[in-house]
Structures are given as C-alpha cells and as structure tokens.
C-alpha cells in the first residue's frame, strides 16, 4: 500500500487538507472505497471494467492525436 504524505507549513491546516484530498482523489482511494462499500454483481463488474477500458483508450487516442500536431 502506498503512503500519502502531506507537509503542513505555517500551521495552515486547511491548505494541507485540500492537498491531501486532491492526492487521495488522484490515487483513486475514494473510488476504491466506494466500490468496496457494497456488493457489485459480476455482470456489473465486467461492464464497469469494459467502460473504464474504453475510457482509457479514448484518452490515449486523444493524447496521440495531440502529439501529432
């Protein structure tokens, strides 16, 4: 498991909390916790994985198109 660390500068706790929340979102922890909260049927699992795969492919294709220009 990856450790997430945030340094608090000048006792600015609010800023540190915002940074921590952003790091957790980028890591995908919130998403994993939400998925583990309730049971997911195998058919829903397969559909979700397929949608995620297609999304990653679309993003990769868009990045490839941007690199051409």
PDB file of N, CA and C in Angstrom:
ATOM      1  N   UNK A   1       0.833  -1.180   0.000  1.00  0.00           N
ATOM      2  CA  UNK A   1       0.000   0.000   0.000  1.00  0.00           C
ATOM      3  C   UNK A   1       0.880   1.247   0.000  1.00  0.00           C
ATOM      4  N   UNK A   2       0.534   2.200  -0.821  1.00  0.00           N
ATOM      5  CA  UNK A   2       1.314   3.412  -0.979  1.00  0.00           C
ATOM      6  C   UNK A   2       0.969   4.403   0.127  1.00  0.00           C
ATOM      7  N   UNK A   3       1.965   5.027   0.707  1.00  0.00           N
ATOM      8  CA  UNK A   3       1.726   6.031   1.739  1.00  0.00           C
ATOM      9  C   UNK A   3       1.550   7.400   1.102  1.00  0.00           C
ATOM     10  N   UNK A   4       0.583   8.145   1.604  1.00  0.00           N
ATOM     11  CA  UNK A   4       0.342   9.503   1.130  1.00  0.00           C
ATOM     12  C   UNK A   4       0.748  10.440   2.251  1.00  0.00           C
ATOM     13  N   UNK A   5       1.612  11.375   1.917  1.00  0.00           N
ATOM     14  CA  UNK A   5       2.153  12.261   2.946  1.00  0.00           C
ATOM     15  C   UNK A   5       1.983  13.711   2.514  1.00  0.00           C
ATOM     16  N   UNK A   6       1.562  14.554   3.468  1.00  0.00           N
ATOM     17  CA  UNK A   6       1.390  15.975   3.203  1.00  0.00           C
ATOM     18  C   UNK A   6       2.068  16.743   4.330  1.00  0.00           C
ATOM     19  N   UNK A   7       2.867  17.710   3.983  1.00  0.00           N
ATOM     20  CA  UNK A   7       3.533  18.538   4.990  1.00  0.00           C
ATOM     21  C   UNK A   7       2.693  19.777   5.269  1.00  0.00           C
ATOM     22  N   UNK A   8       2.544  20.086   6.541  1.00  0.00           N
ATOM     23  CA  UNK A   8       1.777  21.262   6.957  1.00  0.00           C
ATOM     24  C   UNK A   8       2.772  22.400   7.179  1.00  0.00           C
ATOM     25  N   UNK A   9       2.625  23.466   6.394  1.00  0.00           N
ATOM     26  CA  UNK A   9       3.515  24.614   6.501  1.00  0.00           C
ATOM     27  C   UNK A   9       2.792  25.770   7.179  1.00  0.00           C
ATOM     28  N   UNK A  10       3.438  26.434   8.104  1.00  0.00           N
ATOM     29  CA  UNK A  10       2.908  27.609   8.803  1.00  0.00           C
ATOM     30  C   UNK A  10       1.549  27.340   9.453  1.00  0.00           C
ATOM     31  N   UNK A  11       1.359  26.136   9.988  1.00  0.00           N
ATOM     32  CA  UNK A  11       0.099  25.751  10.649  1.00  0.00           C
ATOM     33  C   UNK A  11      -1.125  25.984   9.770  1.00  0.00           C
ATOM     34  N   UNK A  12      -0.967  25.875   8.459  1.00  0.00           N
ATOM     35  CA  UNK A  12      -2.082  26.074   7.531  1.00  0.00           C
ATOM     36  C   UNK A  12      -2.737  24.716   7.263  1.00  0.00           C
ATOM     37  N   UNK A  13      -3.584  24.312   8.210  1.00  0.00           N
ATOM     38  CA  UNK A  13      -4.209  23.002   8.143  1.00  0.00           C
ATOM     39  C   UNK A  13      -5.206  22.888   6.997  1.00  0.00           C
ATOM     40  N   UNK A  14      -5.942  23.957   6.705  1.00  0.00           N
ATOM     41  CA  UNK A  14      -6.934  23.907   5.620  1.00  0.00           C
ATOM     42  C   UNK A  14      -6.273  23.611   4.279  1.00  0.00           C
ATOM     43  N   UNK A  15      -5.152  24.271   4.014  1.00  0.00           N
ATOM     44  CA  UNK A  15      -4.445  24.047   2.751  1.00  0.00           C
ATOM     45  C   UNK A  15      -3.905  22.618   2.688  1.00  0.00           C
ATOM     46  N   UNK A  16      -3.393  22.128   3.818  1.00  0.00           N
ATOM     47  CA  UNK A  16      -2.878  20.765   3.853  1.00  0.00           C
ATOM     48  C   UNK A  16      -4.001  19.759   3.610  1.00  0.00           C
ATOM     49  N   UNK A  17      -5.190  20.027   4.153  1.00  0.00           N
ATOM     50  CA  UNK A  17      -6.324  19.127   3.948  1.00  0.00           C
ATOM     51  C   UNK A  17      -6.750  19.111   2.480  1.00  0.00           C
ATOM     52  N   UNK A  18      -6.754  20.277   1.820  1.00  0.00           N
ATOM     53  CA  UNK A  18      -7.092  20.335   0.394  1.00  0.00           C
ATOM     54  C   UNK A  18      -6.092  19.532  -0.429  1.00  0.00           C
ATOM     55  N   UNK A  19      -4.804  19.674  -0.105  1.00  0.00           N
ATOM     56  CA  UNK A  19      -3.754  18.956  -0.829  1.00  0.00           C
ATOM     57  C   UNK A  19      -3.914  17.454  -0.615  1.00  0.00           C
ATOM     58  N   UNK A  20      -4.212  17.046   0.631  1.00  0.00           N
ATOM     59  CA  UNK A  20      -4.404  15.631   0.934  1.00  0.00           C
ATOM     60  C   UNK A  20      -5.594  15.064   0.172  1.00  0.00           C
ATOM     61  N   UNK A  21      -6.689  15.813   0.148  1.00  0.00           N
ATOM     62  CA  UNK A  21      -7.877  15.334  -0.561  1.00  0.00           C
ATOM     63  C   UNK A  21      -7.577  15.152  -2.044  1.00  0.00           C
ATOM     64  N   UNK A  22      -6.854  16.094  -2.637  1.00  0.00           N
ATOM     65  CA  UNK A  22      -6.512  16.001  -4.062  1.00  0.00           C
ATOM     66  C   UNK A  22      -5.603  14.788  -4.319  1.00  0.00           C
ATOM     67  N   UNK A  23      -4.643  14.542  -3.429  1.00  0.00           N
ATOM     68  CA  UNK A  23      -3.750  13.396  -3.596  1.00  0.00           C
ATOM     69  C   UNK A  23      -4.520  12.082  -3.489  1.00  0.00           C
ATOM     70  N   UNK A  24      -5.475  12.026  -2.553  1.00  0.00           N
ATOM     71  CA  UNK A  24      -6.277  10.822  -2.385  1.00  0.00           C
ATOM     72  C   UNK A  24      -7.144  10.587  -3.617  1.00  0.00           C
ATOM     73  N   UNK A  25      -7.717  11.652  -4.174  1.00  0.00           N
ATOM     74  CA  UNK A  25      -8.535  11.507  -5.378  1.00  0.00           C
ATOM     75  C   UNK A  25      -7.692  11.038  -6.549  1.00  0.00           C
ATOM     76  N   UNK A  26      -6.511  11.610  -6.720  1.00  0.00           N
ATOM     77  CA  UNK A  26      -5.638  11.214  -7.825  1.00  0.00           C
ATOM     78  C   UNK A  26      -5.186   9.766  -7.685  1.00  0.00           C
ATOM     79  N   UNK A  27      -5.037   9.310  -6.456  1.00  0.00           N
ATOM     80  CA  UNK A  27      -4.621   7.939  -6.200  1.00  0.00           C
ATOM     81  C   UNK A  27      -5.759   6.956  -6.443  1.00  0.00           C
ATOM     82  N   UNK A  28      -6.993   7.427  -6.404  1.00  0.00           N
ATOM     83  CA  UNK A  28      -8.147   6.568  -6.635  1.00  0.00           C
ATOM     84  C   UNK A  28      -8.662   5.888  -5.386  1.00  0.00           C
ATOM     85  N   UNK A  29      -8.235   6.350  -4.211  1.00  0.00           N
ATOM     86  CA  UNK A  29      -8.646   5.715  -2.963  1.00  0.00           C
ATOM     87  C   UNK A  29     -10.140   5.871  -2.713  1.00  0.00           C
ATOM     88  N   UNK A  30     -10.690   7.060  -2.947  1.00  0.00           N
ATOM     89  CA  UNK A  30     -12.120   7.281  -2.742  1.00  0.00           C
ATOM     90  C   UNK A  30     -12.935   6.335  -3.611  1.00  0.00           C
ATOM     91  N   UNK A  31     -12.511   6.173  -4.848  1.00  0.00           N
ATOM     92  CA  UNK A  31     -13.235   5.313  -5.779  1.00  0.00           C
ATOM     93  C   UNK A  31     -13.212   3.863  -5.308  1.00  0.00           C
ATOM     94  N   UNK A  32     -12.037   3.404  -4.860  1.00  0.00           N
ATOM     95  CA  UNK A  32     -11.927   2.027  -4.379  1.00  0.00           C
ATOM     96  C   UNK A  32     -12.775   1.804  -3.132  1.00  0.00           C
ATOM     97  N   UNK A  33     -12.788   2.775  -2.226  1.00  0.00           N
ATOM     98  CA  UNK A  33     -13.604   2.645  -1.013  1.00  0.00           C
ATOM     99  C   UNK A  33     -15.088   2.592  -1.357  1.00  0.00           C
ATOM    100  N   UNK A  34     -15.507   3.415  -2.300  1.00  0.00           N
ATOM    101  CA  UNK A  34     -16.911   3.430  -2.700  1.00  0.00           C
ATOM    102  C   UNK A  34     -17.303   2.085  -3.301  1.00  0.00           C
ATOM    103  N   UNK A  35     -16.428   1.505  -4.119  1.00  0.00           N
ATOM    104  CA  UNK A  35     -16.730   0.222  -4.746  1.00  0.00           C
ATOM    105  C   UNK A  35     -16.789  -0.902  -3.712  1.00  0.00           C
ATOM    106  N   UNK A  36     -15.970  -0.843  -2.689  1.00  0.00           N
ATOM    107  CA  UNK A  36     -15.934  -1.890  -1.672  1.00  0.00           C
ATOM    108  C   UNK A  36     -17.085  -1.771  -0.675  1.00  0.00           C
ATOM    109  N   UNK A  37     -17.750  -0.625  -0.662  1.00  0.00           N
ATOM    110  CA  UNK A  37     -18.818  -0.395   0.315  1.00  0.00           C
ATOM    111  C   UNK A  37     -19.996  -1.334   0.107  1.00  0.00           C
ATOM    112  N   UNK A  38     -20.316  -1.655  -1.124  1.00  0.00           N
ATOM    113  CA  UNK A  38     -21.470  -2.505  -1.396  1.00  0.00           C
ATOM    114  C   UNK A  38     -21.090  -3.586  -2.406  1.00  0.00           C
ATOM    115  N   UNK A  39     -21.928  -4.597  -2.477  1.00  0.00           N
ATOM    116  CA  UNK A  39     -21.686  -5.724  -3.377  1.00  0.00           C
ATOM    117  C   UNK A  39     -21.933  -5.302  -4.819  1.00  0.00           C
ATOM    118  N   UNK A  40     -21.059  -5.754  -5.680  1.00  0.00           N
ATOM    119  CA  UNK A  40     -21.186  -5.478  -7.104  1.00  0.00           C
ATOM    120  C   UNK A  40     -21.349  -6.813  -7.837  1.00  0.00           C
ATOM    121  N   UNK A  41     -22.443  -6.932  -8.566  1.00  0.00           N
ATOM    122  CA  UNK A  41     -22.692  -8.174  -9.294  1.00  0.00           C
ATOM    123  C   UNK A  41     -21.587  -8.393 -10.326  1.00  0.00           C
ATOM    124  N   UNK A  42     -21.278  -9.654 -10.616  1.00  0.00           N
ATOM    125  CA  UNK A  42     -20.235  -9.939 -11.606  1.00  0.00           C
ATOM    126  C   UNK A  42     -20.498  -9.297 -12.970  1.00  0.00           C
ATOM    127  N   UNK A  43     -21.769  -9.259 -13.394  1.00  0.00           N
ATOM    128  CA  UNK A  43     -22.072  -8.641 -14.684  1.00  0.00           C
ATOM    129  C   UNK A  43     -21.812  -7.132 -14.633  1.00  0.00           C
ATOM    130  N   UNK A  44     -22.137  -6.491 -13.505  1.00  0.00           N
ATOM    131  CA  UNK A  44     -21.863  -5.056 -13.353  1.00  0.00           C
ATOM    132  C   UNK A  44     -20.365  -4.803 -13.309  1.00  0.00           C
ATOM    133  N   UNK A  45     -19.632  -5.702 -12.661  1.00  0.00           N
ATOM    134  CA  UNK A  45     -18.177  -5.585 -12.585  1.00  0.00           C
ATOM    135  C   UNK A  45     -17.568  -5.616 -13.987  1.00  0.00           C
ATOM    136  N   UNK A  46     -18.012  -6.593 -14.805  1.00  0.00           N
ATOM    137  CA  UNK A  46     -17.488  -6.696 -16.166  1.00  0.00           C
ATOM    138  C   UNK A  46     -17.829  -5.465 -16.993  1.00  0.00           C
ATOM    139  N   UNK A  47     -19.053  -4.955 -16.865  1.00  0.00           N
ATOM    140  CA  UNK A  47     -19.457  -3.759 -17.616  1.00  0.00           C
ATOM    141  C   UNK A  47     -18.646  -2.543 -17.182  1.00  0.00           C
ATOM    142  N   UNK A  48     -18.430  -2.407 -15.879  1.00  0.00           N
ATOM    143  CA  UNK A  48     -17.652  -1.267 -15.374  1.00  0.00           C
ATOM    144  C   UNK A  48     -16.216  -1.341 -15.878  1.00  0.00           C
ATOM    145  N   UNK A  49     -15.623  -2.535 -15.821  1.00  0.00           N
ATOM    146  CA  UNK A  49     -14.252  -2.698 -16.307  1.00  0.00           C
ATOM    147  C   UNK A  49     -14.161  -2.373 -17.799  1.00  0.00           C
ATOM    148  N   UNK A  50     -15.155  -2.788 -18.576  1.00  0.00           N
ATOM    149  CA  UNK A  50     -15.175  -2.504 -20.011  1.00  0.00           C
ATOM    150  C   UNK A  50     -15.265  -1.001 -20.256  1.00  0.00           C
ATOM    151  N   UNK A  51     -16.152  -0.318 -19.512  1.00  0.00           N
ATOM    152  CA  UNK A  51     -16.286   1.138 -19.656  1.00  0.00           C
ATOM    153  C   UNK A  51     -14.988   1.850 -19.308  1.00  0.00           C
ATOM    154  N   UNK A  52     -14.335   1.409 -18.215  1.00  0.00           N
ATOM    155  CA  UNK A  52     -13.066   2.019 -17.823  1.00  0.00           C
ATOM    156  C   UNK A  52     -12.006   1.808 -18.891  1.00  0.00           C
ATOM    157  N   UNK A  53     -11.979   0.626 -19.488  1.00  0.00           N
ATOM    158  CA  UNK A  53     -11.021   0.317 -20.536  1.00  0.00           C
ATOM    159  C   UNK A  53     -11.243   1.214 -21.753  1.00  0.00           C
ATOM    160  N   UNK A  54     -12.512   1.353 -22.162  1.00  0.00           N
ATOM    161  CA  UNK A  54     -12.820   2.212 -23.307  1.00  0.00           C
ATOM    162  C   UNK A  54     -12.439   3.659 -23.033  1.00  0.00           C
ATOM    163  N   UNK A  55     -12.685   4.105 -21.814  1.00  0.00           N
ATOM    164  CA  UNK A  55     -12.328   5.481 -21.439  1.00  0.00           C
ATOM    165  C   UNK A  55     -10.819   5.687 -21.536  1.00  0.00           C
ATOM    166  N   UNK A  56     -10.038   4.720 -21.011  1.00  0.00           N
ATOM    167  CA  UNK A  56      -8.579   4.830 -21.097  1.00  0.00           C
ATOM    168  C   UNK A  56      -8.120   4.854 -22.549  1.00  0.00           C
ATOM    169  N   UNK A  57      -8.749   4.038 -23.404  1.00  0.00           N
ATOM    170  CA  UNK A  57      -8.385   4.010 -24.820  1.00  0.00           C
ATOM    171  C   UNK A  57      -8.690   5.341 -25.502  1.00  0.00           C
ATOM    172  N   UNK A  58      -9.854   5.936 -25.190  1.00  0.00           N
ATOM    173  CA  UNK A  58     -10.212   7.240 -25.779  1.00  0.00           C
ATOM    174  C   UNK A  58      -9.228   8.313 -25.353  1.00  0.00           C
ATOM    175  N   UNK A  59      -8.836   8.304 -24.079  1.00  0.00           N
ATOM    176  CA  UNK A  59      -7.879   9.297 -23.576  1.00  0.00           C
ATOM    177  C   UNK A  59      -6.526   9.122 -24.268  1.00  0.00           C
ATOM    178  N   UNK A  60      -6.074   7.866 -24.401  1.00  0.00           N
ATOM    179  CA  UNK A  60      -4.794   7.593 -25.055  1.00  0.00           C
ATOM    180  C   UNK A  60      -4.832   8.027 -26.522  1.00  0.00           C
ATOM    181  N   UNK A  61      -5.959   7.777 -27.192  1.00  0.00           N
ATOM    182  CA  UNK A  61      -6.082   8.177 -28.599  1.00  0.00           C
ATOM    183  C   UNK A  61      -6.067   9.697 -28.731  1.00  0.00           C
ATOM    184  N   UNK A  62      -6.731  10.376 -27.808  1.00  0.00           N
ATOM    185  CA  UNK A  62      -6.754  11.838 -27.854  1.00  0.00           C
ATOM    186  C   UNK A  62      -5.355  12.396 -27.622  1.00  0.00           C
ATOM    187  N   UNK A  63      -4.613  11.796 -26.697  1.00  0.00           N
ATOM    188  CA  UNK A  63      -3.236  12.252 -26.434  1.00  0.00           C
ATOM    189  C   UNK A  63      -2.357  12.011 -27.651  1.00  0.00           C
ATOM    190  N   UNK A  64      -2.564  10.883 -28.322  1.00  0.00           N
ATOM    191  CA  UNK A  64      -1.774  10.570 -29.513  1.00  0.00           C
ATOM    192  C   UNK A  64      -2.070  11.576 -30.624  1.00  0.00           C
ATOM    193  N   UNK A  65      -3.347  11.961 -30.774  1.00  0.00           N
ATOM    194  CA  UNK A  65      -3.700  12.950 -31.782  1.00  0.00           C
ATOM    195  C   UNK A  65      -3.056  14.310 -31.452  1.00  0.00           C
ATOM    196  N   UNK A  66      -3.025  14.644 -30.170  1.00  0.00           N
ATOM    197  CA  UNK A  66      -2.446  15.937 -29.778  1.00  0.00           C
ATOM    198  C   UNK A  66      -0.941  15.956 -30.031  1.00  0.00           C
ATOM    199  N   UNK A  67      -0.274  14.808 -29.886  1.00  0.00           N
ATOM    200  CA  UNK A  67       1.164  14.752 -30.104  1.00  0.00           C
ATOM    201  C   UNK A  67       1.525  14.913 -31.574  1.00  0.00           C
ATOM    202  N   UNK A  68       0.597  14.534 -32.461  1.00  0.00           N
ATOM    203  CA  UNK A  68       0.871  14.658 -33.897  1.00  0.00           C
ATOM    204  C   UNK A  68       1.006  16.104 -34.344  1.00  0.00           C
ATOM    205  N   UNK A  69       0.273  16.988 -33.679  1.00  0.00           N
ATOM    206  CA  UNK A  69       0.271  18.393 -34.110  1.00  0.00           C
ATOM    207  C   UNK A  69       1.368  19.204 -33.506  1.00  0.00           C
TER     208      UNK A  69
END
